Amino acid sequence: MSDFLHILKPNERRMLRTIVKKVNFQHYPKEFITDREADKFIAVLGPVTIEKLLKVGKDNNIDNL
């Protein structure tokens, strides 16, 4: 995992997982959509991309789903 993943707050990590599962994994079989797979996907993203995803998630109120 990347160095910056450990500095994410639990609610930020939960939001990123939700975004990745809904957007990037929408065509995956349900048995493969896990938190671990989402974390692996998030780890590949750069810190700038993660900041943008968090901003979009907060702007669209995804953290309250």
N, C-alpha and C. Protein backbone atom coordinates (compact mmCIF):
# COMPACT_ATOMS: atom_id res chain seq x y z
N MET A 1 0.84 -1.17 0.00
CA MET A 1 0.00 0.00 0.00
C MET A 1 0.89 1.25 0.00
N SER A 2 0.32 2.30 -0.48
CA SER A 2 1.07 3.55 -0.58
C SER A 2 1.27 4.18 0.79
N ASP A 3 2.22 5.08 0.85
CA ASP A 3 2.55 5.74 2.11
C ASP A 3 1.44 6.63 2.63
N PHE A 4 0.64 7.21 1.76
CA PHE A 4 -0.35 8.17 2.19
C PHE A 4 -1.66 7.53 2.65
N LEU A 5 -1.85 6.25 2.41
CA LEU A 5 -3.11 5.61 2.81
C LEU A 5 -3.28 5.56 4.32
N HIS A 6 -2.20 5.45 5.06
CA HIS A 6 -2.32 5.34 6.50
C HIS A 6 -2.69 6.67 7.16
N ILE A 7 -2.57 7.78 6.43
CA ILE A 7 -2.92 9.08 7.02
C ILE A 7 -4.37 9.46 6.77
N LEU A 8 -5.10 8.65 5.99
CA LEU A 8 -6.51 8.93 5.76
C LEU A 8 -7.33 8.66 7.01
N LYS A 9 -8.29 9.51 7.27
CA LYS A 9 -9.21 9.29 8.38
C LYS A 9 -10.16 8.16 8.00
N PRO A 10 -10.73 7.47 8.99
CA PRO A 10 -11.64 6.36 8.68
C PRO A 10 -12.82 6.77 7.80
N ASN A 11 -13.37 7.95 8.03
CA ASN A 11 -14.51 8.37 7.21
C ASN A 11 -14.07 8.70 5.78
N GLU A 12 -12.84 9.18 5.60
CA GLU A 12 -12.32 9.45 4.26
C GLU A 12 -12.08 8.14 3.51
N ARG A 13 -11.53 7.17 4.21
CA ARG A 13 -11.29 5.87 3.58
C ARG A 13 -12.59 5.20 3.19
N ARG A 14 -13.61 5.32 4.06
CA ARG A 14 -14.92 4.74 3.79
C ARG A 14 -15.54 5.42 2.56
N MET A 15 -15.40 6.74 2.46
CA MET A 15 -15.94 7.48 1.33
C MET A 15 -15.24 7.06 0.03
N LEU A 16 -13.92 6.96 0.07
CA LEU A 16 -13.18 6.54 -1.12
C LEU A 16 -13.57 5.13 -1.55
N ARG A 17 -13.75 4.24 -0.60
CA ARG A 17 -14.19 2.89 -0.93
C ARG A 17 -15.56 2.91 -1.61
N THR A 18 -16.46 3.72 -1.10
CA THR A 18 -17.79 3.82 -1.69
C THR A 18 -17.72 4.33 -3.12
N ILE A 19 -16.92 5.36 -3.34
CA ILE A 19 -16.77 5.94 -4.68
C ILE A 19 -16.19 4.91 -5.64
N VAL A 20 -15.12 4.25 -5.22
CA VAL A 20 -14.46 3.27 -6.09
C VAL A 20 -15.41 2.12 -6.40
N LYS A 21 -16.13 1.64 -5.41
CA LYS A 21 -17.05 0.52 -5.64
C LYS A 21 -18.18 0.90 -6.59
N LYS A 22 -18.73 2.10 -6.44
CA LYS A 22 -19.85 2.51 -7.28
C LYS A 22 -19.42 2.91 -8.69
N VAL A 23 -18.26 3.52 -8.83
CA VAL A 23 -17.84 4.03 -10.14
C VAL A 23 -16.95 3.04 -10.87
N ASN A 24 -15.88 2.61 -10.24
CA ASN A 24 -14.89 1.81 -10.93
C ASN A 24 -15.20 0.32 -10.95
N PHE A 25 -15.96 -0.16 -9.98
CA PHE A 25 -16.25 -1.59 -9.91
C PHE A 25 -17.68 -1.91 -10.31
N GLN A 26 -18.35 -1.02 -11.02
CA GLN A 26 -19.75 -1.24 -11.30
C GLN A 26 -20.02 -2.44 -12.20
N HIS A 27 -19.03 -2.87 -12.97
CA HIS A 27 -19.22 -4.01 -13.86
C HIS A 27 -18.53 -5.28 -13.36
N TYR A 28 -18.00 -5.24 -12.16
CA TYR A 28 -17.35 -6.41 -11.57
C TYR A 28 -18.40 -7.31 -10.96
N PRO A 29 -18.12 -8.61 -10.90
CA PRO A 29 -19.03 -9.51 -10.16
C PRO A 29 -19.05 -9.12 -8.68
N LYS A 30 -20.19 -9.24 -8.05
CA LYS A 30 -20.37 -8.79 -6.67
C LYS A 30 -19.41 -9.44 -5.69
N GLU A 31 -19.02 -10.68 -5.93
CA GLU A 31 -18.12 -11.36 -5.00
C GLU A 31 -16.70 -10.79 -5.02
N PHE A 32 -16.37 -10.01 -6.05
CA PHE A 32 -15.05 -9.40 -6.14
C PHE A 32 -15.02 -7.97 -5.63
N ILE A 33 -16.16 -7.42 -5.28
CA ILE A 33 -16.21 -6.03 -4.80
C ILE A 33 -16.08 -6.05 -3.28
N THR A 34 -14.85 -5.96 -2.82
CA THR A 34 -14.58 -5.99 -1.38
C THR A 34 -13.80 -4.74 -0.98
N ASP A 35 -13.74 -4.51 0.32
CA ASP A 35 -12.95 -3.38 0.82
C ASP A 35 -11.48 -3.53 0.46
N ARG A 36 -11.00 -4.75 0.52
CA ARG A 36 -9.59 -4.98 0.20
C ARG A 36 -9.28 -4.64 -1.26
N GLU A 37 -10.17 -5.04 -2.17
CA GLU A 37 -9.98 -4.72 -3.58
C GLU A 37 -10.07 -3.21 -3.80
N ALA A 38 -10.98 -2.56 -3.11
CA ALA A 38 -11.10 -1.10 -3.22
C ALA A 38 -9.83 -0.43 -2.68
N ASP A 39 -9.30 -0.94 -1.57
CA ASP A 39 -8.07 -0.38 -1.00
C ASP A 39 -6.89 -0.55 -1.96
N LYS A 40 -6.83 -1.69 -2.64
CA LYS A 40 -5.75 -1.90 -3.61
C LYS A 40 -5.87 -0.91 -4.77
N PHE A 41 -7.11 -0.67 -5.20
CA PHE A 41 -7.33 0.30 -6.28
C PHE A 41 -6.94 1.71 -5.83
N ILE A 42 -7.34 2.07 -4.62
CA ILE A 42 -7.03 3.39 -4.07
C ILE A 42 -5.53 3.58 -3.92
N ALA A 43 -4.82 2.51 -3.55
CA ALA A 43 -3.38 2.59 -3.35
C ALA A 43 -2.64 2.94 -4.64
N VAL A 44 -3.21 2.58 -5.78
CA VAL A 44 -2.58 2.86 -7.06
C VAL A 44 -2.77 4.32 -7.47
N LEU A 45 -3.83 4.92 -6.98
CA LEU A 45 -4.11 6.32 -7.31
C LEU A 45 -3.09 7.22 -6.61
N GLY A 46 -2.83 8.34 -7.21
CA GLY A 46 -1.91 9.30 -6.60
C GLY A 46 -2.61 10.16 -5.57
N PRO A 47 -1.86 10.81 -4.72
CA PRO A 47 -2.43 11.66 -3.68
C PRO A 47 -3.30 12.79 -4.24
N VAL A 48 -2.92 13.33 -5.38
CA VAL A 48 -3.71 14.41 -5.97
C VAL A 48 -5.08 13.89 -6.40
N THR A 49 -5.10 12.72 -7.00
CA THR A 49 -6.36 12.11 -7.43
C THR A 49 -7.24 11.80 -6.23
N ILE A 50 -6.64 11.32 -5.17
CA ILE A 50 -7.40 11.01 -3.96
C ILE A 50 -8.00 12.28 -3.36
N GLU A 51 -7.25 13.37 -3.37
CA GLU A 51 -7.78 14.64 -2.87
C GLU A 51 -8.98 15.09 -3.70
N LYS A 52 -8.89 14.93 -5.01
CA LYS A 52 -10.00 15.31 -5.89
C LYS A 52 -11.22 14.42 -5.64
N LEU A 53 -11.00 13.12 -5.48
CA LEU A 53 -12.12 12.22 -5.19
C LEU A 53 -12.78 12.55 -3.87
N LEU A 54 -11.98 12.87 -2.86
CA LEU A 54 -12.55 13.26 -1.57
C LEU A 54 -13.37 14.53 -1.68
N LYS A 55 -12.88 15.49 -2.46
CA LYS A 55 -13.62 16.74 -2.64
C LYS A 55 -14.95 16.47 -3.34
N VAL A 56 -14.92 15.67 -4.39
CA VAL A 56 -16.15 15.33 -5.10
C VAL A 56 -17.11 14.57 -4.19
N GLY A 57 -16.57 13.66 -3.40
CA GLY A 57 -17.41 12.91 -2.47
C GLY A 57 -18.08 13.81 -1.44
N LYS A 58 -17.34 14.76 -0.91
CA LYS A 58 -17.90 15.68 0.07
C LYS A 58 -18.90 16.62 -0.57
N ASP A 59 -18.59 17.10 -1.77
CA ASP A 59 -19.50 18.00 -2.48
C ASP A 59 -20.82 17.32 -2.84
N ASN A 60 -20.76 16.03 -3.14
CA ASN A 60 -21.97 15.28 -3.51
C ASN A 60 -22.59 14.53 -2.36
N ASN A 61 -22.10 14.79 -1.16
CA ASN A 61 -22.67 14.24 0.06
C ASN A 61 -22.62 12.70 0.10
N ILE A 62 -21.59 12.13 -0.50
CA ILE A 62 -21.43 10.68 -0.51
C ILE A 62 -21.11 10.15 0.88
N ASP A 63 -20.51 10.97 1.72
CA ASP A 63 -20.14 10.52 3.06
C ASP A 63 -21.35 10.25 3.94
N ASN A 64 -22.54 10.65 3.51
CA ASN A 64 -23.75 10.39 4.29
C ASN A 64 -24.59 9.25 3.75
N LEU A 65 -24.06 8.48 2.79
CA LEU A 65 -24.80 7.34 2.25
C LEU A 65 -24.78 6.17 3.20
